[in-house]
Each structure stands twice: as C-alpha cells, then as structure tokens.
Amino acid sequence: MGKEKITIYVKPTCTTYRKVLKILRESETEFNSINYFEEPLNKKTLTQLVKSLDIPPRDLLRKNEKIYKELGLSKKELSDPQIIALMVKHPDLLQRPIVVQGGKVILARPAEEIENLL
C-alpha cells in the first residue's frame, strides 16, 4: 500500500506553488490541487488546517499583501477566530501552499518543505 495522496491548497499563480508542482512532477508523486480562490475554504476547514499546522493563525497571514495593509492588521489585536474569518473572506491573506497528506499538514514555504512528505 502506497502513501496517501497529497492535496495542495493553492493560488495557481503563486511562485512557490509552481516550485512545489515541479518537485512533485519530478518525483512522479500523485497529488490534487485545490484553488481556494475558485473553491473557497470555509471556516471549519481552515480552522482544522491551522490546528494541524500547530501555529497561531496570525503566523499564516501574508503581511506584504495589500489587503493586510488596508485592513491595518499589524495594528489590530484580533482573536484567532477573527483572523481565520478574515482569511476566509480575503484568501490573499493566506500563506500558501498548504499541503495535506493523510493526517499531516505542512506549509510548503520554502517549496522544498514538500520533500518532507515524499
């Protein structure tokens, strides 16, 4: 029995995702990509992904995004559920790609992190 299939939550134009894609194709690893701009993550799914990553939701925020600055997130004290709700509403805020294999979840930043699942 082989390893469980990999699922990647992505923004297809993301440079890091393209690097991960190259690594997976070169290793001939089967995977499924979910473009979370076309198939938005719901609060429950994102909460579970964050919990599995074992990091605070704030650590998943993309701090250089325009929306991060527009919302003044660096200056606001927000609860974890509030941050998750913002990431659901504004998917550009979410660090990517998030990779799931079985019960293991990683943030593939840098892209070479994906090799830990291969």
N, C-alpha and C. Protein backbone atom coordinates (compact mmCIF):
# COMPACT_ATOMS: atom_id res chain seq x y z
N MET A 1 0.84 -1.18 0.00
CA MET A 1 0.00 0.00 0.00
C MET A 1 0.89 1.24 0.00
N GLY A 2 0.61 2.20 -0.91
CA GLY A 2 1.41 3.41 -1.03
C GLY A 2 0.96 4.48 -0.06
N LYS A 3 1.65 5.58 -0.13
CA LYS A 3 1.29 6.72 0.71
C LYS A 3 -0.03 7.31 0.26
N GLU A 4 -0.67 8.01 1.18
CA GLU A 4 -1.91 8.68 0.82
C GLU A 4 -1.62 9.82 -0.14
N LYS A 5 -2.60 10.10 -0.99
CA LYS A 5 -2.44 11.16 -1.98
C LYS A 5 -2.30 12.52 -1.30
N ILE A 6 -1.51 13.37 -1.91
CA ILE A 6 -1.27 14.72 -1.41
C ILE A 6 -2.33 15.67 -1.97
N THR A 7 -2.81 16.55 -1.10
CA THR A 7 -3.71 17.63 -1.52
C THR A 7 -3.03 18.95 -1.21
N ILE A 8 -3.06 19.86 -2.17
CA ILE A 8 -2.41 21.15 -2.01
C ILE A 8 -3.45 22.25 -2.19
N TYR A 9 -3.52 23.14 -1.20
CA TYR A 9 -4.39 24.32 -1.28
C TYR A 9 -3.54 25.45 -1.83
N VAL A 10 -3.96 26.00 -2.98
CA VAL A 10 -3.09 26.91 -3.72
C VAL A 10 -3.79 28.11 -4.33
N LYS A 11 -2.95 29.06 -4.69
CA LYS A 11 -3.27 30.11 -5.64
C LYS A 11 -2.39 29.77 -6.84
N PRO A 12 -2.99 29.39 -7.98
CA PRO A 12 -2.20 28.86 -9.10
C PRO A 12 -1.09 29.78 -9.60
N THR A 13 -1.22 31.07 -9.42
CA THR A 13 -0.18 31.99 -9.89
C THR A 13 0.97 32.15 -8.91
N CYS A 14 0.89 31.51 -7.78
CA CYS A 14 1.91 31.61 -6.73
C CYS A 14 3.22 30.96 -7.19
N THR A 15 4.30 31.69 -7.08
CA THR A 15 5.62 31.20 -7.48
C THR A 15 6.03 29.98 -6.66
N THR A 16 5.78 30.01 -5.36
CA THR A 16 6.15 28.88 -4.52
C THR A 16 5.37 27.63 -4.93
N TYR A 17 4.10 27.80 -5.26
CA TYR A 17 3.30 26.66 -5.72
C TYR A 17 3.92 26.06 -6.99
N ARG A 18 4.34 26.90 -7.91
CA ARG A 18 4.94 26.38 -9.14
C ARG A 18 6.20 25.57 -8.85
N LYS A 19 6.96 25.99 -7.86
CA LYS A 19 8.17 25.23 -7.46
C LYS A 19 7.77 23.88 -6.85
N VAL A 20 6.73 23.90 -6.00
CA VAL A 20 6.23 22.66 -5.40
C VAL A 20 5.74 21.72 -6.49
N LEU A 21 5.02 22.26 -7.45
CA LEU A 21 4.49 21.49 -8.58
C LEU A 21 5.63 20.80 -9.34
N LYS A 22 6.70 21.53 -9.58
CA LYS A 22 7.86 20.98 -10.28
C LYS A 22 8.46 19.81 -9.48
N ILE A 23 8.62 19.98 -8.17
CA ILE A 23 9.18 18.93 -7.33
C ILE A 23 8.28 17.68 -7.36
N LEU A 24 6.98 17.89 -7.26
CA LEU A 24 6.05 16.75 -7.27
C LEU A 24 6.06 16.03 -8.61
N ARG A 25 6.08 16.77 -9.70
CA ARG A 25 6.10 16.15 -11.02
C ARG A 25 7.40 15.38 -11.25
N GLU A 26 8.52 15.97 -10.83
CA GLU A 26 9.81 15.29 -11.00
C GLU A 26 9.88 14.01 -10.18
N SER A 27 9.20 13.98 -9.03
CA SER A 27 9.21 12.78 -8.19
C SER A 27 8.07 11.82 -8.56
N GLU A 28 7.29 12.21 -9.58
CA GLU A 28 6.16 11.41 -10.05
C GLU A 28 5.18 11.09 -8.93
N THR A 29 4.94 12.09 -8.09
CA THR A 29 4.02 11.94 -6.97
C THR A 29 2.62 12.40 -7.39
N GLU A 30 1.63 11.57 -7.08
CA GLU A 30 0.24 11.95 -7.38
C GLU A 30 -0.22 12.98 -6.37
N PHE A 31 -0.99 13.96 -6.84
CA PHE A 31 -1.50 14.99 -5.96
C PHE A 31 -2.76 15.60 -6.54
N ASN A 32 -3.45 16.31 -5.70
CA ASN A 32 -4.66 17.02 -6.07
C ASN A 32 -4.48 18.47 -5.64
N SER A 33 -4.72 19.40 -6.54
CA SER A 33 -4.62 20.82 -6.20
C SER A 33 -6.01 21.40 -6.03
N ILE A 34 -6.17 22.22 -5.01
CA ILE A 34 -7.43 22.93 -4.80
C ILE A 34 -7.13 24.43 -4.83
N ASN A 35 -7.66 25.08 -5.85
CA ASN A 35 -7.52 26.52 -5.97
C ASN A 35 -8.55 27.15 -5.03
N TYR A 36 -8.07 27.67 -3.89
CA TYR A 36 -9.02 28.17 -2.89
C TYR A 36 -9.60 29.53 -3.25
N PHE A 37 -9.28 30.03 -4.43
CA PHE A 37 -9.96 31.22 -4.94
C PHE A 37 -11.21 30.80 -5.72
N GLU A 38 -11.16 29.61 -6.33
CA GLU A 38 -12.32 29.07 -7.04
C GLU A 38 -13.20 28.22 -6.12
N GLU A 39 -12.56 27.51 -5.19
CA GLU A 39 -13.25 26.68 -4.21
C GLU A 39 -12.86 27.19 -2.82
N PRO A 40 -13.50 28.26 -2.38
CA PRO A 40 -13.08 28.90 -1.13
C PRO A 40 -13.09 27.95 0.07
N LEU A 41 -12.09 28.14 0.92
CA LEU A 41 -12.04 27.40 2.17
C LEU A 41 -13.11 27.96 3.10
N ASN A 42 -13.80 27.07 3.79
CA ASN A 42 -14.76 27.55 4.78
C ASN A 42 -14.06 27.65 6.13
N LYS A 43 -14.74 28.25 7.06
CA LYS A 43 -14.16 28.49 8.38
C LYS A 43 -13.74 27.19 9.07
N LYS A 44 -14.58 26.17 8.96
CA LYS A 44 -14.29 24.89 9.61
C LYS A 44 -13.02 24.26 9.04
N THR A 45 -12.92 24.21 7.71
CA THR A 45 -11.75 23.60 7.07
C THR A 45 -10.48 24.37 7.39
N LEU A 46 -10.55 25.69 7.29
CA LEU A 46 -9.36 26.50 7.57
C LEU A 46 -8.94 26.37 9.03
N THR A 47 -9.91 26.34 9.93
CA THR A 47 -9.60 26.17 11.36
C THR A 47 -8.88 24.85 11.58
N GLN A 48 -9.34 23.78 10.93
CA GLN A 48 -8.71 22.47 11.08
C GLN A 48 -7.29 22.47 10.50
N LEU A 49 -7.11 23.12 9.34
CA LEU A 49 -5.78 23.20 8.74
C LEU A 49 -4.81 23.94 9.66
N VAL A 50 -5.26 25.05 10.22
CA VAL A 50 -4.41 25.84 11.13
C VAL A 50 -4.07 25.01 12.37
N LYS A 51 -5.06 24.31 12.91
CA LYS A 51 -4.82 23.47 14.09
C LYS A 51 -3.79 22.39 13.77
N SER A 52 -3.90 21.78 12.60
CA SER A 52 -2.98 20.72 12.20
C SER A 52 -1.57 21.26 11.94
N LEU A 53 -1.47 22.50 11.49
CA LEU A 53 -0.17 23.12 11.29
C LEU A 53 0.51 23.42 12.61
N ASP A 54 -0.31 23.51 13.67
CA ASP A 54 0.18 23.79 15.02
C ASP A 54 0.91 25.13 15.10
N ILE A 55 0.31 26.13 14.45
CA ILE A 55 0.82 27.50 14.54
C ILE A 55 -0.35 28.44 14.78
N PRO A 56 -0.09 29.61 15.35
CA PRO A 56 -1.18 30.57 15.52
C PRO A 56 -1.65 31.07 14.15
N PRO A 57 -2.94 31.31 13.99
CA PRO A 57 -3.46 31.81 12.70
C PRO A 57 -2.72 33.06 12.22
N ARG A 58 -2.31 33.92 13.13
CA ARG A 58 -1.61 35.15 12.72
C ARG A 58 -0.33 34.82 11.94
N ASP A 59 0.29 33.68 12.24
CA ASP A 59 1.52 33.28 11.53
C ASP A 59 1.25 32.87 10.09
N LEU A 60 -0.02 32.66 9.74
CA LEU A 60 -0.38 32.30 8.37
C LEU A 60 -0.75 33.52 7.53
N LEU A 61 -0.74 34.68 8.13
CA LEU A 61 -1.09 35.89 7.39
C LEU A 61 0.07 36.33 6.51
N ARG A 62 -0.27 36.71 5.28
CA ARG A 62 0.72 37.27 4.35
C ARG A 62 0.79 38.77 4.63
N LYS A 63 1.83 39.17 5.31
CA LYS A 63 1.94 40.54 5.81
C LYS A 63 2.29 41.57 4.73
N ASN A 64 2.72 41.12 3.57
CA ASN A 64 3.04 42.06 2.49
C ASN A 64 1.90 42.28 1.51
N GLU A 65 0.79 41.62 1.76
CA GLU A 65 -0.37 41.79 0.87
C GLU A 65 -1.02 43.15 1.07
N LYS A 66 -1.52 43.69 0.00
CA LYS A 66 -2.20 44.99 0.03
C LYS A 66 -3.36 44.98 1.02
N ILE A 67 -4.16 43.91 1.01
CA ILE A 67 -5.33 43.84 1.89
C ILE A 67 -4.91 43.82 3.36
N TYR A 68 -3.77 43.23 3.67
CA TYR A 68 -3.27 43.22 5.05
C TYR A 68 -3.04 44.65 5.52
N LYS A 69 -2.44 45.43 4.66
CA LYS A 69 -2.16 46.83 5.00
C LYS A 69 -3.44 47.66 5.03
N GLU A 70 -4.32 47.42 4.07
CA GLU A 70 -5.59 48.17 4.01
C GLU A 70 -6.43 47.93 5.26
N LEU A 71 -6.41 46.70 5.76
CA LEU A 71 -7.20 46.37 6.95
C LEU A 71 -6.47 46.75 8.24
N GLY A 72 -5.23 47.21 8.13
CA GLY A 72 -4.46 47.61 9.31
C GLY A 72 -4.22 46.48 10.28
N LEU A 73 -4.00 45.28 9.76
CA LEU A 73 -3.90 44.10 10.61
C LEU A 73 -2.67 44.09 11.52
N SER A 74 -1.63 44.81 11.16
CA SER A 74 -0.44 44.83 12.02
C SER A 74 -0.72 45.60 13.31
N LYS A 75 -1.73 46.44 13.28
CA LYS A 75 -2.03 47.28 14.44
C LYS A 75 -3.21 46.78 15.26
N LYS A 76 -3.89 45.75 14.76
CA LYS A 76 -5.11 45.28 15.43
C LYS A 76 -4.85 44.04 16.27
N GLU A 77 -5.47 44.02 17.44
CA GLU A 77 -5.48 42.82 18.28
C GLU A 77 -6.73 42.03 17.90
N LEU A 78 -6.53 40.88 17.27
CA LEU A 78 -7.65 40.06 16.84
C LEU A 78 -7.54 38.67 17.44
N SER A 79 -8.69 38.08 17.72
CA SER A 79 -8.70 36.70 18.22
C SER A 79 -8.39 35.74 17.07
N ASP A 80 -8.02 34.53 17.40
CA ASP A 80 -7.76 33.52 16.37
C ASP A 80 -8.97 33.33 15.45
N PRO A 81 -10.19 33.19 16.00
CA PRO A 81 -11.36 33.05 15.11
C PRO A 81 -11.57 34.28 14.21
N GLN A 82 -11.26 35.47 14.70
CA GLN A 82 -11.39 36.66 13.86
C GLN A 82 -10.38 36.63 12.71
N ILE A 83 -9.16 36.19 12.99
CA ILE A 83 -8.14 36.10 11.94
C ILE A 83 -8.55 35.06 10.90
N ILE A 84 -9.04 33.93 11.35
CA ILE A 84 -9.48 32.88 10.42
C ILE A 84 -10.63 33.40 9.56
N ALA A 85 -11.57 34.10 10.16
CA ALA A 85 -12.69 34.66 9.39
C ALA A 85 -12.19 35.63 8.33
N LEU A 86 -11.18 36.43 8.66
CA LEU A 86 -10.61 37.35 7.68
C LEU A 86 -9.93 36.61 6.54
N MET A 87 -9.25 35.50 6.84
CA MET A 87 -8.59 34.72 5.79
C MET A 87 -9.62 34.04 4.88
N VAL A 88 -10.74 33.64 5.45
CA VAL A 88 -11.81 33.05 4.64
C VAL A 88 -12.38 34.12 3.70
N LYS A 89 -12.59 35.31 4.23
CA LYS A 89 -13.17 36.41 3.44
C LYS A 89 -12.18 36.97 2.42
N HIS A 90 -10.89 37.00 2.78
CA HIS A 90 -9.84 37.56 1.92
C HIS A 90 -8.74 36.51 1.73
N PRO A 91 -8.92 35.56 0.80
CA PRO A 91 -7.96 34.47 0.67
C PRO A 91 -6.53 34.91 0.32
N ASP A 92 -6.36 36.12 -0.18
CA ASP A 92 -5.00 36.61 -0.44
C ASP A 92 -4.18 36.73 0.83
N LEU A 93 -4.85 36.78 1.98
CA LEU A 93 -4.15 36.90 3.25
C LEU A 93 -3.45 35.60 3.67
N LEU A 94 -3.85 34.51 3.07
CA LEU A 94 -3.40 33.19 3.50
C LEU A 94 -2.06 32.79 2.88
N GLN A 95 -1.08 32.43 3.75
CA GLN A 95 0.19 31.89 3.27
C GLN A 95 -0.09 30.61 2.50
N ARG A 96 0.71 30.34 1.52
CA ARG A 96 0.49 29.18 0.67
C ARG A 96 1.81 28.69 0.11
N PRO A 97 1.81 27.49 -0.40
CA PRO A 97 0.74 26.48 -0.43
C PRO A 97 0.68 25.67 0.87
N ILE A 98 -0.52 25.28 1.22
CA ILE A 98 -0.74 24.39 2.36
C ILE A 98 -0.91 22.99 1.78
N VAL A 99 -0.15 22.05 2.32
CA VAL A 99 -0.11 20.70 1.78
C VAL A 99 -0.59 19.71 2.83
N VAL A 100 -1.50 18.83 2.41
CA VAL A 100 -2.07 17.82 3.31
C VAL A 100 -1.78 16.43 2.74
N GLN A 101 -1.31 15.55 3.62
CA GLN A 101 -1.16 14.14 3.25
C GLN A 101 -1.56 13.33 4.47
N GLY A 102 -2.68 12.64 4.32
CA GLY A 102 -3.20 11.90 5.47
C GLY A 102 -3.50 12.87 6.60
N GLY A 103 -2.94 12.62 7.77
CA GLY A 103 -3.15 13.49 8.91
C GLY A 103 -2.09 14.57 9.06
N LYS A 104 -1.15 14.62 8.12
CA LYS A 104 -0.06 15.59 8.23
C LYS A 104 -0.33 16.81 7.35
N VAL A 105 -0.10 17.99 7.92
CA VAL A 105 -0.30 19.24 7.19
C VAL A 105 0.97 20.08 7.33
N ILE A 106 1.45 20.60 6.19
CA ILE A 106 2.62 21.48 6.22
C ILE A 106 2.36 22.73 5.39
N LEU A 107 3.09 23.76 5.69
CA LEU A 107 3.13 24.95 4.85
C LEU A 107 4.40 24.79 4.02
N ALA A 108 4.25 24.66 2.72
CA ALA A 108 5.40 24.40 1.85
C ALA A 108 6.12 25.71 1.49
N ARG A 109 6.66 26.34 2.52
CA ARG A 109 7.45 27.56 2.37
C ARG A 109 8.71 27.37 3.17
N PRO A 110 9.83 27.23 2.55
CA PRO A 110 10.05 27.25 1.10
C PRO A 110 9.51 25.98 0.44
N ALA A 111 9.48 26.00 -0.87
CA ALA A 111 8.89 24.89 -1.64
C ALA A 111 9.51 23.54 -1.30
N GLU A 112 10.78 23.54 -0.94
CA GLU A 112 11.48 22.29 -0.64
C GLU A 112 10.90 21.56 0.57
N GLU A 113 10.10 22.24 1.36
CA GLU A 113 9.43 21.59 2.51
C GLU A 113 8.58 20.39 2.06
N ILE A 114 8.11 20.43 0.81
CA ILE A 114 7.28 19.35 0.28
C ILE A 114 8.05 18.02 0.29
N GLU A 115 9.36 18.08 0.20
CA GLU A 115 10.18 16.87 0.16
C GLU A 115 10.05 16.07 1.46
N ASN A 116 9.65 16.71 2.56
CA ASN A 116 9.43 16.01 3.83
C ASN A 116 8.26 15.02 3.75
N LEU A 117 7.39 15.18 2.75
CA LEU A 117 6.25 14.28 2.60
C LEU A 117 6.51 13.19 1.56
N LEU A 118 7.58 13.33 0.79
CA LEU A 118 7.82 12.39 -0.30
C LEU A 118 8.59 11.16 0.15
